[in-house]
Amino acid sequence: MSDKKPTPILRDVGGVECPICKKRTYSRGGIHPQCAMVQADEPRRLKLAAEKREIAENKQAIIAKPLDPKRSRPR
């Protein structure tokens, strides 16, 4: 019996580089399904972040705005 292990045959089996994560993918579209979801969600994520930033800026503007003494009545 031989103790020698067979040498692996290394060959390029195909696949392309995913444009999102830069790892090899074997899917038909050339992009991993999870990376495609990240790519599809990116515009929505940016829109939500912009809306959140706008709300925070509006809150800061309201807080920084001085009260009008004529309009505020003591109770």
PDB file of N, CA and C in Angstrom:
ATOM      1  N   MET A   1       0.847  -1.159   0.000  1.00  0.00           N
ATOM      2  CA  MET A   1       0.000   0.000   0.000  1.00  0.00           C
ATOM      3  C   MET A   1       0.901   1.233   0.000  1.00  0.00           C
ATOM      4  N   SER A   2       0.476   2.245  -0.722  1.00  0.00           N
ATOM      5  CA  SER A   2       1.270   3.458  -0.857  1.00  0.00           C
ATOM      6  C   SER A   2       0.782   4.515   0.135  1.00  0.00           C
ATOM      7  N   ASP A   3       1.711   5.205   0.785  1.00  0.00           N
ATOM      8  CA  ASP A   3       1.367   6.291   1.697  1.00  0.00           C
ATOM      9  C   ASP A   3       1.297   7.636   0.981  1.00  0.00           C
ATOM     10  N   LYS A   4       1.606   7.614  -0.276  1.00  0.00           N
ATOM     11  CA  LYS A   4       1.653   8.841  -1.037  1.00  0.00           C
ATOM     12  C   LYS A   4       0.233   9.272  -1.438  1.00  0.00           C
ATOM     13  N   LYS A   5      -0.091  10.530  -1.156  1.00  0.00           N
ATOM     14  CA  LYS A   5      -1.410  11.053  -1.501  1.00  0.00           C
ATOM     15  C   LYS A   5      -1.386  11.571  -2.936  1.00  0.00           C
ATOM     16  N   PRO A   6      -2.501  11.502  -3.613  1.00  0.00           N
ATOM     17  CA  PRO A   6      -2.517  12.014  -4.987  1.00  0.00           C
ATOM     18  C   PRO A   6      -2.418  13.548  -4.990  1.00  0.00           C
ATOM     19  N   THR A   7      -1.745  14.068  -5.974  1.00  0.00           N
ATOM     20  CA  THR A   7      -1.619  15.523  -6.079  1.00  0.00           C
ATOM     21  C   THR A   7      -2.909  16.087  -6.670  1.00  0.00           C
ATOM     22  N   PRO A   8      -3.398  17.170  -6.113  1.00  0.00           N
ATOM     23  CA  PRO A   8      -4.629  17.750  -6.635  1.00  0.00           C
ATOM     24  C   PRO A   8      -4.397  18.405  -8.000  1.00  0.00           C
ATOM     25  N   ILE A   9      -5.405  18.325  -8.808  1.00  0.00           N
ATOM     26  CA  ILE A   9      -5.328  18.962 -10.115  1.00  0.00           C
ATOM     27  C   ILE A   9      -5.918  20.361  -9.960  1.00  0.00           C
ATOM     28  N   LEU A  10      -5.084  21.344 -10.041  1.00  0.00           N
ATOM     29  CA  LEU A  10      -5.529  22.729  -9.898  1.00  0.00           C
ATOM     30  C   LEU A  10      -5.802  23.296 -11.280  1.00  0.00           C
ATOM     31  N   ARG A  11      -7.000  23.733 -11.451  1.00  0.00           N
ATOM     32  CA  ARG A  11      -7.346  24.354 -12.717  1.00  0.00           C
ATOM     33  C   ARG A  11      -8.389  25.433 -12.453  1.00  0.00           C
ATOM     34  N   ASP A  12      -8.454  26.363 -13.347  1.00  0.00           N
ATOM     35  CA  ASP A  12      -9.421  27.443 -13.219  1.00  0.00           C
ATOM     36  C   ASP A  12     -10.789  26.900 -13.629  1.00  0.00           C
ATOM     37  N   VAL A  13     -11.690  26.808 -12.659  1.00  0.00           N
ATOM     38  CA  VAL A  13     -13.004  26.233 -12.912  1.00  0.00           C
ATOM     39  C   VAL A  13     -14.018  27.270 -13.363  1.00  0.00           C
ATOM     40  N   GLY A  14     -13.618  28.473 -13.525  1.00  0.00           N
ATOM     41  CA  GLY A  14     -14.550  29.499 -13.978  1.00  0.00           C
ATOM     42  C   GLY A  14     -14.975  30.394 -12.841  1.00  0.00           C
ATOM     43  N   GLY A  15     -16.063  31.030 -13.066  1.00  0.00           N
ATOM     44  CA  GLY A  15     -16.534  31.971 -12.076  1.00  0.00           C
ATOM     45  C   GLY A  15     -15.952  33.342 -12.350  1.00  0.00           C
ATOM     46  N   VAL A  16     -16.683  34.337 -11.958  1.00  0.00           N
ATOM     47  CA  VAL A  16     -16.229  35.706 -12.148  1.00  0.00           C
ATOM     48  C   VAL A  16     -16.179  36.400 -10.793  1.00  0.00           C
ATOM     49  N   GLU A  17     -15.577  37.564 -10.765  1.00  0.00           N
ATOM     50  CA  GLU A  17     -15.465  38.321  -9.529  1.00  0.00           C
ATOM     51  C   GLU A  17     -16.744  39.123  -9.305  1.00  0.00           C
ATOM     52  N   CYS A  18     -17.301  39.019  -8.117  1.00  0.00           N
ATOM     53  CA  CYS A  18     -18.506  39.767  -7.754  1.00  0.00           C
ATOM     54  C   CYS A  18     -18.132  41.245  -7.659  1.00  0.00           C
ATOM     55  N   PRO A  19     -18.897  42.138  -8.302  1.00  0.00           N
ATOM     56  CA  PRO A  19     -18.535  43.561  -8.267  1.00  0.00           C
ATOM     57  C   PRO A  19     -18.738  44.211  -6.895  1.00  0.00           C
ATOM     58  N   ILE A  20     -19.495  43.581  -6.016  1.00  0.00           N
ATOM     59  CA  ILE A  20     -19.766  44.157  -4.703  1.00  0.00           C
ATOM     60  C   ILE A  20     -18.702  43.739  -3.690  1.00  0.00           C
ATOM     61  N   CYS A  21     -18.520  42.426  -3.514  1.00  0.00           N
ATOM     62  CA  CYS A  21     -17.610  41.943  -2.468  1.00  0.00           C
ATOM     63  C   CYS A  21     -16.237  41.518  -3.002  1.00  0.00           C
ATOM     64  N   LYS A  22     -16.063  41.521  -4.311  1.00  0.00           N
ATOM     65  CA  LYS A  22     -14.789  41.182  -4.966  1.00  0.00           C
ATOM     66  C   LYS A  22     -14.334  39.746  -4.724  1.00  0.00           C
ATOM     67  N   LYS A  23     -15.279  38.849  -4.407  1.00  0.00           N
ATOM     68  CA  LYS A  23     -14.951  37.429  -4.261  1.00  0.00           C
ATOM     69  C   LYS A  23     -15.491  36.684  -5.476  1.00  0.00           C
ATOM     70  N   ARG A  24     -14.967  35.506  -5.714  1.00  0.00           N
ATOM     71  CA  ARG A  24     -15.378  34.717  -6.863  1.00  0.00           C
ATOM     72  C   ARG A  24     -16.810  34.218  -6.678  1.00  0.00           C
ATOM     73  N   THR A  25     -17.596  34.325  -7.753  1.00  0.00           N
ATOM     74  CA  THR A  25     -18.965  33.852  -7.710  1.00  0.00           C
ATOM     75  C   THR A  25     -19.222  32.945  -8.901  1.00  0.00           C
ATOM     76  N   TYR A  26     -20.106  32.009  -8.714  1.00  0.00           N
ATOM     77  CA  TYR A  26     -20.431  31.066  -9.768  1.00  0.00           C
ATOM     78  C   TYR A  26     -21.878  31.217 -10.225  1.00  0.00           C
ATOM     79  N   SER A  27     -22.546  32.274  -9.776  1.00  0.00           N
ATOM     80  CA  SER A  27     -23.943  32.458 -10.165  1.00  0.00           C
ATOM     81  C   SER A  27     -24.023  32.981 -11.596  1.00  0.00           C
ATOM     82  N   ARG A  28     -25.177  32.830 -12.204  1.00  0.00           N
ATOM     83  CA  ARG A  28     -25.346  33.223 -13.600  1.00  0.00           C
ATOM     84  C   ARG A  28     -25.175  34.712 -13.819  1.00  0.00           C
ATOM     85  N   GLY A  29     -25.667  35.499 -12.902  1.00  0.00           N
ATOM     86  CA  GLY A  29     -25.596  36.946 -13.062  1.00  0.00           C
ATOM     87  C   GLY A  29     -24.229  37.529 -12.759  1.00  0.00           C
ATOM     88  N   GLY A  30     -23.338  36.736 -12.204  1.00  0.00           N
ATOM     89  CA  GLY A  30     -22.003  37.219 -11.874  1.00  0.00           C
ATOM     90  C   GLY A  30     -21.963  38.002 -10.576  1.00  0.00           C
ATOM     91  N   ILE A  31     -23.002  37.855  -9.752  1.00  0.00           N
ATOM     92  CA  ILE A  31     -23.069  38.561  -8.477  1.00  0.00           C
ATOM     93  C   ILE A  31     -23.766  37.637  -7.485  1.00  0.00           C
ATOM     94  N   HIS A  32     -23.292  37.633  -6.241  1.00  0.00           N
ATOM     95  CA  HIS A  32     -23.931  36.805  -5.207  1.00  0.00           C
ATOM     96  C   HIS A  32     -25.343  37.325  -4.934  1.00  0.00           C
ATOM     97  N   PRO A  33     -26.281  36.448  -4.602  1.00  0.00           N
ATOM     98  CA  PRO A  33     -27.643  36.907  -4.297  1.00  0.00           C
ATOM     99  C   PRO A  33     -27.676  37.898  -3.133  1.00  0.00           C
ATOM    100  N   GLN A  34     -26.879  37.659  -2.088  1.00  0.00           N
ATOM    101  CA  GLN A  34     -26.888  38.575  -0.953  1.00  0.00           C
ATOM    102  C   GLN A  34     -26.277  39.919  -1.332  1.00  0.00           C
ATOM    103  N   CYS A  35     -25.304  39.915  -2.227  1.00  0.00           N
ATOM    104  CA  CYS A  35     -24.713  41.175  -2.687  1.00  0.00           C
ATOM    105  C   CYS A  35     -25.699  41.933  -3.569  1.00  0.00           C
ATOM    106  N   ALA A  36     -26.495  41.215  -4.341  1.00  0.00           N
ATOM    107  CA  ALA A  36     -27.514  41.856  -5.173  1.00  0.00           C
ATOM    108  C   ALA A  36     -28.551  42.543  -4.291  1.00  0.00           C
ATOM    109  N   MET A  37     -28.889  41.936  -3.160  1.00  0.00           N
ATOM    110  CA  MET A  37     -29.839  42.562  -2.237  1.00  0.00           C
ATOM    111  C   MET A  37     -29.252  43.836  -1.647  1.00  0.00           C
ATOM    112  N   VAL A  38     -27.982  43.805  -1.286  1.00  0.00           N
ATOM    113  CA  VAL A  38     -27.327  44.996  -0.743  1.00  0.00           C
ATOM    114  C   VAL A  38     -27.329  46.106  -1.784  1.00  0.00           C
ATOM    115  N   GLN A  39     -27.032  45.737  -3.024  1.00  0.00           N
ATOM    116  CA  GLN A  39     -26.994  46.711  -4.102  1.00  0.00           C
ATOM    117  C   GLN A  39     -28.381  47.302  -4.362  1.00  0.00           C
ATOM    118  N   ALA A  40     -29.416  46.489  -4.294  1.00  0.00           N
ATOM    119  CA  ALA A  40     -30.783  46.961  -4.532  1.00  0.00           C
ATOM    120  C   ALA A  40     -31.270  47.837  -3.381  1.00  0.00           C
ATOM    121  N   ASP A  41     -30.828  47.555  -2.158  1.00  0.00           N
ATOM    122  CA  ASP A  41     -31.277  48.314  -0.991  1.00  0.00           C
ATOM    123  C   ASP A  41     -30.514  49.627  -0.790  1.00  0.00           C
ATOM    124  N   GLU A  42     -29.406  49.815  -1.499  1.00  0.00           N
ATOM    125  CA  GLU A  42     -28.569  51.001  -1.291  1.00  0.00           C
ATOM    126  C   GLU A  42     -29.320  52.317  -1.528  1.00  0.00           C
ATOM    127  N   PRO A  43     -30.074  52.495  -2.642  1.00  0.00           N
ATOM    128  CA  PRO A  43     -30.788  53.768  -2.818  1.00  0.00           C
ATOM    129  C   PRO A  43     -31.814  54.014  -1.709  1.00  0.00           C
ATOM    130  N   ARG A  44     -32.490  52.973  -1.281  1.00  0.00           N
ATOM    131  CA  ARG A  44     -33.483  53.110  -0.212  1.00  0.00           C
ATOM    132  C   ARG A  44     -32.808  53.499   1.096  1.00  0.00           C
ATOM    133  N   ARG A  45     -31.661  52.891   1.382  1.00  0.00           N
ATOM    134  CA  ARG A  45     -30.931  53.193   2.602  1.00  0.00           C
ATOM    135  C   ARG A  45     -30.453  54.641   2.602  1.00  0.00           C
ATOM    136  N   LEU A  46     -29.957  55.111   1.461  1.00  0.00           N
ATOM    137  CA  LEU A  46     -29.489  56.495   1.368  1.00  0.00           C
ATOM    138  C   LEU A  46     -30.642  57.479   1.527  1.00  0.00           C
ATOM    139  N   LYS A  47     -31.806  57.143   0.962  1.00  0.00           N
ATOM    140  CA  LYS A  47     -32.982  58.016   1.079  1.00  0.00           C
ATOM    141  C   LYS A  47     -33.428  58.109   2.531  1.00  0.00           C
ATOM    142  N   LEU A  48     -33.474  56.980   3.226  1.00  0.00           N
ATOM    143  CA  LEU A  48     -33.878  56.982   4.635  1.00  0.00           C
ATOM    144  C   LEU A  48     -32.885  57.763   5.494  1.00  0.00           C
ATOM    145  N   ALA A  49     -31.600  57.629   5.195  1.00  0.00           N
ATOM    146  CA  ALA A  49     -30.583  58.365   5.952  1.00  0.00           C
ATOM    147  C   ALA A  49     -30.726  59.869   5.731  1.00  0.00           C
ATOM    148  N   ALA A  50     -31.040  60.278   4.503  1.00  0.00           N
ATOM    149  CA  ALA A  50     -31.219  61.700   4.211  1.00  0.00           C
ATOM    150  C   ALA A  50     -32.447  62.251   4.935  1.00  0.00           C
ATOM    151  N   GLU A  51     -33.525  61.471   4.953  1.00  0.00           N
ATOM    152  CA  GLU A  51     -34.739  61.902   5.660  1.00  0.00           C
ATOM    153  C   GLU A  51     -34.468  62.027   7.159  1.00  0.00           C
ATOM    154  N   LYS A  52     -33.748  61.079   7.714  1.00  0.00           N
ATOM    155  CA  LYS A  52     -33.427  61.109   9.141  1.00  0.00           C
ATOM    156  C   LYS A  52     -32.555  62.322   9.472  1.00  0.00           C
ATOM    157  N   ARG A  53     -31.581  62.614   8.594  1.00  0.00           N
ATOM    158  CA  ARG A  53     -30.709  63.766   8.783  1.00  0.00           C
ATOM    159  C   ARG A  53     -31.519  65.066   8.709  1.00  0.00           C
ATOM    160  N   GLU A  54     -32.472  65.135   7.777  1.00  0.00           N
ATOM    161  CA  GLU A  54     -33.314  66.327   7.627  1.00  0.00           C
ATOM    162  C   GLU A  54     -34.177  66.543   8.870  1.00  0.00           C
ATOM    163  N   ILE A  55     -34.727  65.481   9.418  1.00  0.00           N
ATOM    164  CA  ILE A  55     -35.543  65.580  10.635  1.00  0.00           C
ATOM    165  C   ILE A  55     -34.687  66.078  11.797  1.00  0.00           C
ATOM    166  N   ALA A  56     -33.479  65.559  11.913  1.00  0.00           N
ATOM    167  CA  ALA A  56     -32.586  65.986  12.995  1.00  0.00           C
ATOM    168  C   ALA A  56     -32.218  67.468  12.842  1.00  0.00           C
ATOM    169  N   GLU A  57     -31.981  67.908  11.611  1.00  0.00           N
ATOM    170  CA  GLU A  57     -31.661  69.319  11.385  1.00  0.00           C
ATOM    171  C   GLU A  57     -32.847  70.208  11.728  1.00  0.00           C
ATOM    172  N   ASN A  58     -34.060  69.770  11.387  1.00  0.00           N
ATOM    173  CA  ASN A  58     -35.261  70.540  11.706  1.00  0.00           C
ATOM    174  C   ASN A  58     -35.451  70.647  13.222  1.00  0.00           C
ATOM    175  N   LYS A  59     -35.187  69.567  13.933  1.00  0.00           N
ATOM    176  CA  LYS A  59     -35.306  69.592  15.394  1.00  0.00           C
ATOM    177  C   LYS A  59     -34.302  70.580  15.982  1.00  0.00           C
ATOM    178  N   GLN A  60     -33.087  70.587  15.463  1.00  0.00           N
ATOM    179  CA  GLN A  60     -32.063  71.515  15.945  1.00  0.00           C
ATOM    180  C   GLN A  60     -32.472  72.956  15.665  1.00  0.00           C
ATOM    181  N   ALA A  61     -33.095  73.192  14.504  1.00  0.00           N
ATOM    182  CA  ALA A  61     -33.527  74.546  14.155  1.00  0.00           C
ATOM    183  C   ALA A  61     -34.646  74.998  15.087  1.00  0.00           C
ATOM    184  N   ILE A  62     -35.537  74.095  15.445  1.00  0.00           N
ATOM    185  CA  ILE A  62     -36.642  74.436  16.345  1.00  0.00           C
ATOM    186  C   ILE A  62     -36.111  74.716  17.746  1.00  0.00           C
ATOM    187  N   ILE A  63     -35.163  73.921  18.205  1.00  0.00           N
ATOM    188  CA  ILE A  63     -34.595  74.107  19.537  1.00  0.00           C
ATOM    189  C   ILE A  63     -33.802  75.416  19.599  1.00  0.00           C
ATOM    190  N   ALA A  64     -33.062  75.739  18.562  1.00  0.00           N
ATOM    191  CA  ALA A  64     -32.221  76.930  18.559  1.00  0.00           C
ATOM    192  C   ALA A  64     -33.027  78.214  18.368  1.00  0.00           C
ATOM    193  N   LYS A  65     -34.241  78.106  17.869  1.00  0.00           N
ATOM    194  CA  LYS A  65     -35.064  79.282  17.601  1.00  0.00           C
ATOM    195  C   LYS A  65     -35.543  79.893  18.926  1.00  0.00           C
ATOM    196  N   PRO A  66     -35.285  81.209  19.142  1.00  0.00           N
ATOM    197  CA  PRO A  66     -35.726  81.825  20.405  1.00  0.00           C
ATOM    198  C   PRO A  66     -37.243  82.013  20.410  1.00  0.00           C
ATOM    199  N   LEU A  67     -37.814  81.962  21.579  1.00  0.00           N
ATOM    200  CA  LEU A  67     -39.256  82.146  21.715  1.00  0.00           C
ATOM    201  C   LEU A  67     -39.612  83.611  21.563  1.00  0.00           C
ATOM    202  N   ASP A  68     -40.757  83.868  20.950  1.00  0.00           N
ATOM    203  CA  ASP A  68     -41.254  85.227  20.778  1.00  0.00           C
ATOM    204  C   ASP A  68     -41.946  85.619  22.084  1.00  0.00           C
ATOM    205  N   PRO A  69     -41.491  86.679  22.762  1.00  0.00           N
ATOM    206  CA  PRO A  69     -42.081  87.044  24.052  1.00  0.00           C
ATOM    207  C   PRO A  69     -43.536  87.478  23.934  1.00  0.00           C
ATOM    208  N   LYS A  70     -43.951  87.994  22.806  1.00  0.00           N
ATOM    209  CA  LYS A  70     -45.336  88.443  22.625  1.00  0.00           C
ATOM    210  C   LYS A  70     -46.293  87.260  22.507  1.00  0.00           C
ATOM    211  N   ARG A  71     -45.813  86.189  21.939  1.00  0.00           N
ATOM    212  CA  ARG A  71     -46.689  85.046  21.712  1.00  0.00           C
ATOM    213  C   ARG A  71     -46.784  84.117  22.907  1.00  0.00           C
ATOM    214  N   SER A  72     -45.777  84.089  23.744  1.00  0.00           N
ATOM    215  CA  SER A  72     -45.826  83.182  24.887  1.00  0.00           C
ATOM    216  C   SER A  72     -46.539  83.877  26.049  1.00  0.00           C
ATOM    217  N   ARG A  73     -47.513  83.195  26.552  1.00  0.00           N
ATOM    218  CA  ARG A  73     -48.302  83.755  27.675  1.00  0.00           C
ATOM    219  C   ARG A  73     -47.985  82.981  28.956  1.00  0.00           C
ATOM    220  N   PRO A  74     -47.800  83.675  30.036  1.00  0.00           N
ATOM    221  CA  PRO A  74     -47.621  82.961  31.301  1.00  0.00           C
ATOM    222  C   PRO A  74     -48.954  82.387  31.766  1.00  0.00           C
ATOM    223  N   ARG A  75     -48.910  81.278  32.370  1.00  0.00           N
ATOM    224  CA  ARG A  75     -50.131  80.612  32.828  1.00  0.00           C
ATOM    225  C   ARG A  75     -50.280  80.730  34.311  1.00  0.00           C
TER     226      ARG A  75
END
